[in-house]
PDB file of N, CA and C in Angstrom:
ATOM      1  N   MET A   1       3.585 114.137 -37.070  1.00  0.00           N
ATOM      2  CA  MET A   1       3.451 114.807 -35.838  1.00  0.00           C
ATOM      3  C   MET A   1       2.383 115.709 -35.649  1.00  0.00           C
ATOM      4  N   CYS A   2       1.489 115.602 -34.708  1.00  0.00           N
ATOM      5  CA  CYS A   2       0.501 116.711 -34.611  1.00  0.00           C
ATOM      6  C   CYS A   2       0.910 117.917 -33.321  1.00  0.00           C
ATOM      7  N   LEU A   3       0.590 119.223 -33.465  1.00  0.00           N
ATOM      8  CA  LEU A   3       0.748 119.955 -32.766  1.00  0.00           C
ATOM      9  C   LEU A   3      -0.819 120.360 -32.070  1.00  0.00           C
ATOM     10  N   LEU A   4      -0.956 120.364 -30.852  1.00  0.00           N
ATOM     11  CA  LEU A   4      -2.320 120.390 -30.015  1.00  0.00           C
ATOM     12  C   LEU A   4      -2.176 121.760 -29.452  1.00  0.00           C
ATOM     13  N   LEU A   5      -3.078 122.397 -29.588  1.00  0.00           N
ATOM     14  CA  LEU A   5      -2.884 123.512 -28.709  1.00  0.00           C
ATOM     15  C   LEU A   5      -3.965 123.378 -27.403  1.00  0.00           C
ATOM     16  N   HIS A   6      -3.401 123.540 -26.348  1.00  0.00           N
ATOM     17  CA  HIS A   6      -4.715 123.476 -25.021  1.00  0.00           C
ATOM     18  C   HIS A   6      -5.931 124.584 -25.385  1.00  0.00           C
ATOM     19  N   GLY A   7      -6.708 124.516 -24.990  1.00  0.00           N
ATOM     20  CA  GLY A   7      -7.908 125.599 -25.359  1.00  0.00           C
ATOM     21  C   GLY A   7      -7.598 126.576 -23.661  1.00  0.00           C
ATOM     22  N   GLY A   8      -8.644 126.957 -23.856  1.00  0.00           N
ATOM     23  CA  GLY A   8      -8.604 128.576 -23.223  1.00  0.00           C
ATOM     24  C   GLY A   8      -7.903 129.550 -23.394  1.00  0.00           C
ATOM     25  N   THR A   9      -8.707 129.598 -25.007  1.00  0.00           N
ATOM     26  CA  THR A   9      -8.392 130.963 -25.968  1.00  0.00           C
ATOM     27  C   THR A   9      -7.283 132.259 -25.460  1.00  0.00           C
ATOM     28  N   TYR A  10      -6.149 131.268 -24.769  1.00  0.00           N
ATOM     29  CA  TYR A  10      -4.897 131.988 -24.708  1.00  0.00           C
ATOM     30  C   TYR A  10      -4.891 133.031 -23.104  1.00  0.00           C
ATOM     31  N   THR A  11      -5.878 132.593 -22.639  1.00  0.00           N
ATOM     32  CA  THR A  11      -6.009 133.267 -21.220  1.00  0.00           C
ATOM     33  C   THR A  11      -6.149 131.897 -20.060  1.00  0.00           C
ATOM     34  N   SER A  12      -5.947 131.271 -20.061  1.00  0.00           N
ATOM     35  CA  SER A  12      -6.299 129.893 -19.218  1.00  0.00           C
ATOM     36  C   SER A  12      -5.778 128.814 -19.841  1.00  0.00           C
ATOM     37  N   GLY A  13      -5.776 127.511 -18.960  1.00  0.00           N
ATOM     38  CA  GLY A  13      -5.562 126.552 -19.294  1.00  0.00           C
ATOM     39  C   GLY A  13      -4.196 126.006 -19.411  1.00  0.00           C
ATOM     40  N   SER A  14      -3.457 124.687 -19.817  1.00  0.00           N
ATOM     41  CA  SER A  14      -2.354 124.403 -19.750  1.00  0.00           C
ATOM     42  C   SER A  14      -2.215 122.898 -20.378  1.00  0.00           C
ATOM     43  N   ALA A  15      -1.021 122.526 -20.858  1.00  0.00           N
ATOM     44  CA  ALA A  15      -0.651 121.733 -21.581  1.00  0.00           C
ATOM     45  C   ALA A  15      -1.102 120.018 -20.867  1.00  0.00           C
ATOM     46  N   PHE A  16      -0.715 120.494 -19.574  1.00  0.00           N
ATOM     47  CA  PHE A  16      -1.065 119.048 -18.371  1.00  0.00           C
ATOM     48  C   PHE A  16      -2.280 119.159 -18.755  1.00  0.00           C
ATOM     49  N   GLY A  17      -3.697 119.472 -18.502  1.00  0.00           N
ATOM     50  CA  GLY A  17      -4.973 119.452 -18.265  1.00  0.00           C
ATOM     51  C   GLY A  17      -5.491 119.005 -20.049  1.00  0.00           C
ATOM     52  N   PHE A  18      -4.377 118.474 -20.669  1.00  0.00           N
ATOM     53  CA  PHE A  18      -5.140 118.392 -22.314  1.00  0.00           C
ATOM     54  C   PHE A  18      -3.851 117.348 -22.683  1.00  0.00           C
ATOM     55  N   ARG A  19      -3.630 116.194 -21.605  1.00  0.00           N
ATOM     56  CA  ARG A  19      -2.624 115.173 -21.733  1.00  0.00           C
ATOM     57  C   ARG A  19      -3.399 114.003 -22.059  1.00  0.00           C
ATOM     58  N   SER A  20      -4.558 113.043 -21.712  1.00  0.00           N
ATOM     59  CA  SER A  20      -4.749 112.550 -21.801  1.00  0.00           C
ATOM     60  C   SER A  20      -5.421 112.621 -23.348  1.00  0.00           C
ATOM     61  N   LEU A  21      -6.113 113.778 -23.650  1.00  0.00           N
ATOM     62  CA  LEU A  21      -6.338 113.972 -24.849  1.00  0.00           C
ATOM     63  C   LEU A  21      -5.312 113.876 -25.939  1.00  0.00           C
ATOM     64  N   ALA A  22      -4.363 114.446 -25.727  1.00  0.00           N
ATOM     65  CA  ALA A  22      -3.092 114.324 -26.635  1.00  0.00           C
ATOM     66  C   ALA A  22      -2.294 112.678 -27.128  1.00  0.00           C
ATOM     67  N   GLY A  23      -3.046 111.946 -25.616  1.00  0.00           N
ATOM     68  CA  GLY A  23      -2.167 110.797 -25.836  1.00  0.00           C
ATOM     69  C   GLY A  23      -4.049 110.152 -26.515  1.00  0.00           C
ATOM     70  N   ALA A  24      -4.796 110.108 -26.835  1.00  0.00           N
ATOM     71  CA  ALA A  24      -5.783 109.675 -27.435  1.00  0.00           C
ATOM     72  C   ALA A  24      -5.655 109.993 -28.901  1.00  0.00           C
ATOM     73  N   LEU A  25      -4.875 111.315 -29.189  1.00  0.00           N
ATOM     74  CA  LEU A  25      -5.135 111.430 -30.193  1.00  0.00           C
ATOM     75  C   LEU A  25      -3.644 110.786 -31.244  1.00  0.00           C
ATOM     76  N   ALA A  26      -2.244 111.002 -30.192  1.00  0.00           N
ATOM     77  CA  ALA A  26      -1.592 110.081 -30.663  1.00  0.00           C
ATOM     78  C   ALA A  26      -1.508 108.980 -30.964  1.00  0.00           C
ATOM     79  N   ASP A  27      -2.738 107.843 -30.366  1.00  0.00           N
ATOM     80  CA  ASP A  27      -3.114 107.026 -30.373  1.00  0.00           C
ATOM     81  C   ASP A  27      -4.290 106.499 -32.215  1.00  0.00           C
ATOM     82  N   ALA A  28      -4.808 107.784 -32.318  1.00  0.00           N
ATOM     83  CA  ALA A  28      -5.517 107.354 -33.133  1.00  0.00           C
ATOM     84  C   ALA A  28      -4.767 107.769 -34.701  1.00  0.00           C
ATOM     85  N   VAL A  29      -3.689 108.321 -34.587  1.00  0.00           N
ATOM     86  CA  VAL A  29      -2.821 109.257 -35.536  1.00  0.00           C
ATOM     87  C   VAL A  29      -1.466 108.268 -36.315  1.00  0.00           C
ATOM     88  N   ARG A  30      -1.515 107.184 -34.688  1.00  0.00           N
ATOM     89  CA  ARG A  30      -0.612 106.646 -34.674  1.00  0.00           C
ATOM     90  C   ARG A  30       0.839 107.156 -34.802  1.00  0.00           C
ATOM     91  N   GLY A  31       0.625 108.167 -34.006  1.00  0.00           N
ATOM     92  CA  GLY A  31       1.825 109.155 -34.323  1.00  0.00           C
ATOM     93  C   GLY A  31       1.991 110.067 -32.635  1.00  0.00           C
ATOM     94  N   ARG A  32       3.205 111.000 -32.835  1.00  0.00           N
ATOM     95  CA  ARG A  32       3.461 111.455 -31.760  1.00  0.00           C
ATOM     96  C   ARG A  32       2.790 112.945 -31.755  1.00  0.00           C
ATOM     97  N   VAL A  33       2.638 113.515 -30.590  1.00  0.00           N
ATOM     98  CA  VAL A  33       1.912 114.754 -30.411  1.00  0.00           C
ATOM     99  C   VAL A  33       2.222 115.813 -29.361  1.00  0.00           C
ATOM    100  N   LEU A  34       2.502 117.257 -30.137  1.00  0.00           N
ATOM    101  CA  LEU A  34       3.337 117.695 -29.220  1.00  0.00           C
ATOM    102  C   LEU A  34       2.116 119.090 -28.804  1.00  0.00           C
ATOM    103  N   THR A  35       2.152 119.199 -27.217  1.00  0.00           N
ATOM    104  CA  THR A  35       1.101 119.909 -26.710  1.00  0.00           C
ATOM    105  C   THR A  35       2.279 121.319 -25.876  1.00  0.00           C
ATOM    106  N   PRO A  36       1.894 122.304 -26.700  1.00  0.00           N
ATOM    107  CA  PRO A  36       3.162 123.108 -25.880  1.00  0.00           C
ATOM    108  C   PRO A  36       2.665 124.181 -25.306  1.00  0.00           C
ATOM    109  N   ASP A  37       2.962 124.536 -24.233  1.00  0.00           N
ATOM    110  CA  ASP A  37       2.450 125.454 -22.622  1.00  0.00           C
ATOM    111  C   ASP A  37       2.683 126.704 -23.253  1.00  0.00           C
ATOM    112  N   TYR A  38       2.672 127.366 -23.175  1.00  0.00           N
ATOM    113  CA  TYR A  38       2.305 128.653 -23.916  1.00  0.00           C
ATOM    114  C   TYR A  38       1.950 130.544 -22.851  1.00  0.00           C
ATOM    115  N   ARG A  39       2.471 131.148 -22.958  1.00  0.00           N
ATOM    116  CA  ARG A  39       2.156 131.697 -21.985  1.00  0.00           C
ATOM    117  C   ARG A  39       1.337 132.954 -22.248  1.00  0.00           C
ATOM    118  N   LEU A  40       0.226 132.562 -21.099  1.00  0.00           N
ATOM    119  CA  LEU A  40      -1.045 133.339 -20.830  1.00  0.00           C
ATOM    120  C   LEU A  40      -1.474 135.005 -20.975  1.00  0.00           C
ATOM    121  N   ALA A  41      -2.641 135.113 -21.171  1.00  0.00           N
ATOM    122  CA  ALA A  41      -3.047 136.614 -20.755  1.00  0.00           C
ATOM    123  C   ALA A  41      -3.948 136.500 -19.322  1.00  0.00           C
ATOM    124  N   PRO A  42      -3.709 137.647 -18.826  1.00  0.00           N
ATOM    125  CA  PRO A  42      -3.700 139.032 -19.045  1.00  0.00           C
ATOM    126  C   PRO A  42      -2.066 139.276 -18.323  1.00  0.00           C
ATOM    127  N   GLU A  43      -1.304 137.938 -17.973  1.00  0.00           N
ATOM    128  CA  GLU A  43       0.453 138.375 -17.108  1.00  0.00           C
ATOM    129  C   GLU A  43       1.060 138.486 -18.334  1.00  0.00           C
ATOM    130  N   HIS A  44       0.781 137.553 -19.607  1.00  0.00           N
ATOM    131  CA  HIS A  44       1.550 138.134 -20.752  1.00  0.00           C
ATOM    132  C   HIS A  44       1.279 139.034 -21.728  1.00  0.00           C
ATOM    133  N   ARG A  45       1.317 140.317 -22.405  1.00  0.00           N
ATOM    134  CA  ARG A  45       0.471 140.381 -23.345  1.00  0.00           C
ATOM    135  C   ARG A  45       0.973 140.274 -24.476  1.00  0.00           C
ATOM    136  N   PHE A  46      -0.364 140.354 -25.516  1.00  0.00           N
ATOM    137  CA  PHE A  46      -0.123 139.762 -27.097  1.00  0.00           C
ATOM    138  C   PHE A  46       0.802 140.891 -27.564  1.00  0.00           C
ATOM    139  N   PRO A  47       1.476 139.357 -28.292  1.00  0.00           N
ATOM    140  CA  PRO A  47       1.414 138.002 -28.886  1.00  0.00           C
ATOM    141  C   PRO A  47       2.314 137.717 -28.128  1.00  0.00           C
ATOM    142  N   ALA A  48       2.595 137.549 -26.733  1.00  0.00           N
ATOM    143  CA  ALA A  48       3.632 136.524 -26.675  1.00  0.00           C
ATOM    144  C   ALA A  48       2.558 135.180 -26.772  1.00  0.00           C
ATOM    145  N   ALA A  49       1.633 134.407 -26.709  1.00  0.00           N
ATOM    146  CA  ALA A  49       1.382 133.532 -26.587  1.00  0.00           C
ATOM    147  C   ALA A  49       1.192 132.732 -28.126  1.00  0.00           C
ATOM    148  N   LEU A  50       1.313 133.358 -29.122  1.00  0.00           N
ATOM    149  CA  LEU A  50       1.497 133.560 -30.196  1.00  0.00           C
ATOM    150  C   LEU A  50       2.443 132.900 -30.820  1.00  0.00           C
ATOM    151  N   ASP A  51       3.387 134.451 -29.988  1.00  0.00           N
ATOM    152  CA  ASP A  51       4.742 133.864 -30.622  1.00  0.00           C
ATOM    153  C   ASP A  51       5.335 132.444 -30.061  1.00  0.00           C
ATOM    154  N   ASP A  52       4.721 132.120 -28.666  1.00  0.00           N
ATOM    155  CA  ASP A  52       5.202 130.896 -28.367  1.00  0.00           C
ATOM    156  C   ASP A  52       4.741 129.002 -29.351  1.00  0.00           C
ATOM    157  N   VAL A  53       3.672 129.433 -29.315  1.00  0.00           N
ATOM    158  CA  VAL A  53       3.032 128.746 -30.286  1.00  0.00           C
ATOM    159  C   VAL A  53       4.127 128.924 -31.956  1.00  0.00           C
ATOM    160  N   HIS A  54       4.212 129.649 -32.101  1.00  0.00           N
ATOM    161  CA  HIS A  54       4.923 129.920 -33.867  1.00  0.00           C
ATOM    162  C   HIS A  54       5.989 128.860 -33.789  1.00  0.00           C
ATOM    163  N   ALA A  55       6.706 129.616 -32.038  1.00  0.00           N
ATOM    164  CA  ALA A  55       8.144 128.827 -31.922  1.00  0.00           C
ATOM    165  C   ALA A  55       7.908 127.180 -31.854  1.00  0.00           C
ATOM    166  N   ALA A  56       6.860 126.811 -31.667  1.00  0.00           N
ATOM    167  CA  ALA A  56       6.694 125.290 -31.740  1.00  0.00           C
ATOM    168  C   ALA A  56       6.894 124.750 -32.812  1.00  0.00           C
ATOM    169  N   TYR A  57       5.739 125.462 -33.922  1.00  0.00           N
ATOM    170  CA  TYR A  57       5.254 125.283 -34.970  1.00  0.00           C
ATOM    171  C   TYR A  57       6.610 124.919 -35.808  1.00  0.00           C
ATOM    172  N   THR A  58       7.882 126.249 -35.920  1.00  0.00           N
ATOM    173  CA  THR A  58       8.533 126.096 -36.283  1.00  0.00           C
ATOM    174  C   THR A  58       9.795 125.088 -35.572  1.00  0.00           C
ATOM    175  N   TRP A  59       9.611 124.642 -34.256  1.00  0.00           N
ATOM    176  CA  TRP A  59      10.560 123.517 -33.926  1.00  0.00           C
ATOM    177  C   TRP A  59      10.203 122.408 -34.740  1.00  0.00           C
ATOM    178  N   LEU A  60       8.924 122.258 -34.979  1.00  0.00           N
ATOM    179  CA  LEU A  60       8.595 120.878 -35.023  1.00  0.00           C
ATOM    180  C   LEU A  60       9.066 120.977 -36.743  1.00  0.00           C
ATOM    181  N   LEU A  61       8.780 122.287 -37.905  1.00  0.00           N
ATOM    182  CA  LEU A  61       9.228 121.711 -38.924  1.00  0.00           C
ATOM    183  C   LEU A  61      10.959 121.545 -38.762  1.00  0.00           C
ATOM    184  N   ASP A  62      11.938 121.975 -37.788  1.00  0.00           N
ATOM    185  CA  ASP A  62      13.116 121.986 -37.710  1.00  0.00           C
ATOM    186  C   ASP A  62      13.270 120.404 -37.599  1.00  0.00           C
ATOM    187  N   GLN A  63      12.567 119.391 -36.908  1.00  0.00           N
ATOM    188  CA  GLN A  63      12.381 118.204 -36.733  1.00  0.00           C
ATOM    189  C   GLN A  63      12.290 117.295 -38.221  1.00  0.00           C
ATOM    190  N   ARG A  64      11.954 118.201 -38.946  1.00  0.00           N
ATOM    191  CA  ARG A  64      11.715 117.974 -40.275  1.00  0.00           C
ATOM    192  C   ARG A  64      10.016 117.219 -40.599  1.00  0.00           C
ATOM    193  N   ALA A  65       9.624 117.750 -39.486  1.00  0.00           N
ATOM    194  CA  ALA A  65       8.084 117.380 -39.992  1.00  0.00           C
ATOM    195  C   ALA A  65       7.208 118.376 -41.176  1.00  0.00           C
ATOM    196  N   ALA A  66       6.820 117.706 -41.972  1.00  0.00           N
ATOM    197  CA  ALA A  66       6.142 118.474 -43.223  1.00  0.00           C
ATOM    198  C   ALA A  66       5.298 119.401 -42.571  1.00  0.00           C
ATOM    199  N   PRO A  67       5.066 120.709 -43.446  1.00  0.00           N
ATOM    200  CA  PRO A  67       4.363 121.596 -42.505  1.00  0.00           C
ATOM    201  C   PRO A  67       2.476 120.822 -43.033  1.00  0.00           C
ATOM    202  N   CYS A  68       2.328 120.094 -44.003  1.00  0.00           N
ATOM    203  CA  CYS A  68       0.666 119.574 -43.930  1.00  0.00           C
ATOM    204  C   CYS A  68       0.621 118.572 -43.219  1.00  0.00           C
ATOM    205  N   HIS A  69       1.883 117.720 -42.538  1.00  0.00           N
ATOM    206  CA  HIS A  69       1.662 117.086 -41.172  1.00  0.00           C
ATOM    207  C   HIS A  69       1.250 117.592 -40.466  1.00  0.00           C
ATOM    208  N   VAL A  70       1.985 118.649 -40.082  1.00  0.00           N
ATOM    209  CA  VAL A  70       1.367 119.295 -38.530  1.00  0.00           C
ATOM    210  C   VAL A  70       0.328 119.886 -38.938  1.00  0.00           C
ATOM    211  N   VAL A  71      -0.265 120.862 -39.577  1.00  0.00           N
ATOM    212  CA  VAL A  71      -1.287 120.893 -39.361  1.00  0.00           C
ATOM    213  C   VAL A  71      -2.042 120.672 -40.906  1.00  0.00           C
ATOM    214  N   PRO A  72      -3.115 119.394 -41.181  1.00  0.00           N
ATOM    215  CA  PRO A  72      -3.420 119.422 -42.572  1.00  0.00           C
ATOM    216  C   PRO A  72      -4.491 119.493 -42.923  1.00  0.00           C
ATOM    217  N   ARG A  73      -4.728 119.905 -43.883  1.00  0.00           N
ATOM    218  CA  ARG A  73      -6.042 120.319 -44.574  1.00  0.00           C
ATOM    219  C   ARG A  73      -6.844 119.043 -44.335  1.00  0.00           C
ATOM    220  N   ARG A  74      -7.043 118.589 -44.501  1.00  0.00           N
ATOM    221  CA  ARG A  74      -8.096 117.465 -44.332  1.00  0.00           C
ATOM    222  C   ARG A  74      -7.378 116.193 -43.222  1.00  0.00           C
ATOM    223  N   ALA A  75      -7.759 116.346 -41.932  1.00  0.00           N
ATOM    224  CA  ALA A  75      -6.870 115.148 -41.577  1.00  0.00           C
ATOM    225  C   ALA A  75      -7.341 113.709 -41.708  1.00  0.00           C
ATOM    226  N   THR A  76      -8.314 113.493 -42.171  1.00  0.00           N
ATOM    227  CA  THR A  76      -8.621 112.102 -42.560  1.00  0.00           C
ATOM    228  C   THR A  76      -8.224 111.599 -43.358  1.00  0.00           C
ATOM    229  N   SER A  77      -7.503 112.184 -44.511  1.00  0.00           N
ATOM    230  CA  SER A  77      -6.396 111.799 -45.516  1.00  0.00           C
ATOM    231  C   SER A  77      -5.150 112.472 -45.470  1.00  0.00           C
ATOM    232  N   CYS A  78      -4.400 112.847 -44.957  1.00  0.00           N
ATOM    233  CA  CYS A  78      -3.381 113.594 -44.543  1.00  0.00           C
ATOM    234  C   CYS A  78      -2.640 112.974 -43.744  1.00  0.00           C
ATOM    235  N   TRP A  79      -3.217 112.242 -42.222  1.00  0.00           N
ATOM    236  CA  TRP A  79      -2.080 111.711 -41.370  1.00  0.00           C
ATOM    237  C   TRP A  79      -1.252 110.884 -41.627  1.00  0.00           C
ATOM    238  N   PRO A  80       0.136 110.794 -41.903  1.00  0.00           N
ATOM    239  CA  PRO A  80       1.032 109.628 -42.435  1.00  0.00           C
ATOM    240  C   PRO A  80       1.072 108.767 -41.002  1.00  0.00           C
ATOM    241  N   ALA A  81       1.323 107.526 -41.341  1.00  0.00           N
ATOM    242  CA  ALA A  81       1.452 105.974 -40.087  1.00  0.00           C
ATOM    243  C   ALA A  81       2.374 106.375 -40.080  1.00  0.00           C
ATOM    244  N   THR A  82       4.092 106.657 -40.436  1.00  0.00           N
ATOM    245  CA  THR A  82       5.109 107.389 -40.180  1.00  0.00           C
ATOM    246  C   THR A  82       5.657 108.657 -40.273  1.00  0.00           C
ATOM    247  N   PRO A  83       6.670 108.864 -39.626  1.00  0.00           N
ATOM    248  CA  PRO A  83       7.180 110.762 -39.835  1.00  0.00           C
ATOM    249  C   PRO A  83       7.545 110.637 -41.616  1.00  0.00           C
ATOM    250  N   PRO A  84       8.143 111.642 -41.931  1.00  0.00           N
ATOM    251  CA  PRO A  84       8.610 111.487 -43.140  1.00  0.00           C
ATOM    252  C   PRO A  84      10.017 111.429 -42.979  1.00  0.00           C
ATOM    253  N   ALA A  85      10.524 110.990 -44.144  1.00  0.00           N
ATOM    254  CA  ALA A  85      11.755 110.532 -44.487  1.00  0.00           C
ATOM    255  C   ALA A  85      12.443 111.395 -44.046  1.00  0.00           C
ATOM    256  N   PRO A  86      13.922 111.218 -43.500  1.00  0.00           N
ATOM    257  CA  PRO A  86      15.307 112.004 -42.984  1.00  0.00           C
ATOM    258  C   PRO A  86      15.597 112.796 -44.188  1.00  0.00           C
ATOM    259  N   GLY A  87      15.711 113.616 -43.670  1.00  0.00           N
ATOM    260  CA  GLY A  87      16.433 114.984 -44.651  1.00  0.00           C
ATOM    261  C   GLY A  87      15.264 115.713 -45.868  1.00  0.00           C
ATOM    262  N   SER A  88      13.825 115.198 -45.570  1.00  0.00           N
ATOM    263  CA  SER A  88      12.936 115.624 -46.091  1.00  0.00           C
ATOM    264  C   SER A  88      12.011 116.760 -46.298  1.00  0.00           C
ATOM    265  N   ARG A  89      12.010 118.133 -46.716  1.00  0.00           N
ATOM    266  CA  ARG A  89      11.257 119.237 -45.555  1.00  0.00           C
ATOM    267  C   ARG A  89      10.550 119.385 -47.004  1.00  0.00           C
ATOM    268  N   SER A  90      10.444 118.998 -48.222  1.00  0.00           N
ATOM    269  CA  SER A  90       9.568 119.442 -49.199  1.00  0.00           C
ATOM    270  C   SER A  90       7.926 118.991 -48.902  1.00  0.00           C
ATOM    271  N   PRO A  91       7.079 120.046 -49.283  1.00  0.00           N
ATOM    272  CA  PRO A  91       5.946 120.190 -49.255  1.00  0.00           C
ATOM    273  C   PRO A  91       4.807 118.615 -49.583  1.00  0.00           C
ATOM    274  N   CYS A  92       4.422 118.433 -48.824  1.00  0.00           N
ATOM    275  CA  CYS A  92       3.932 116.863 -48.909  1.00  0.00           C
ATOM    276  C   CYS A  92       2.096 117.631 -49.910  1.00  0.00           C
ATOM    277  N   SER A  93       1.719 116.818 -50.615  1.00  0.00           N
ATOM    278  CA  SER A  93       0.345 116.925 -51.009  1.00  0.00           C
ATOM    279  C   SER A  93      -0.704 116.034 -50.441  1.00  0.00           C
ATOM    280  N   CYS A  94      -1.296 117.114 -49.269  1.00  0.00           N
ATOM    281  CA  CYS A  94      -2.625 116.654 -48.870  1.00  0.00           C
ATOM    282  C   CYS A  94      -3.738 116.705 -49.131  1.00  0.00           C
ATOM    283  N   GLY A  95      -4.224 117.062 -50.184  1.00  0.00           N
ATOM    284  CA  GLY A  95      -5.189 116.892 -50.696  1.00  0.00           C
ATOM    285  C   GLY A  95      -5.845 118.427 -50.781  1.00  0.00           C
TER     286      GLY A  95
END
């Protein structure tokens, strides 16, 4: 599972605009990509966007995604070809 945050420095943009990148990334890692929309400044004050991103990350962990598979230290050596085993929430070794 990959968590992809759209560009725009928390002030512009949307997940909709990053659909093609998310699709290409999903193909490249042979997995799924979550691209959440989050509240943008200045309409929503800090830390609204970070709260939304944190909620998306927490949701991924609740789906039993290992933290290092969501945010790998080295993407070339860490992306799993298959999702973690059910019931497995222990940290994995990403190098």
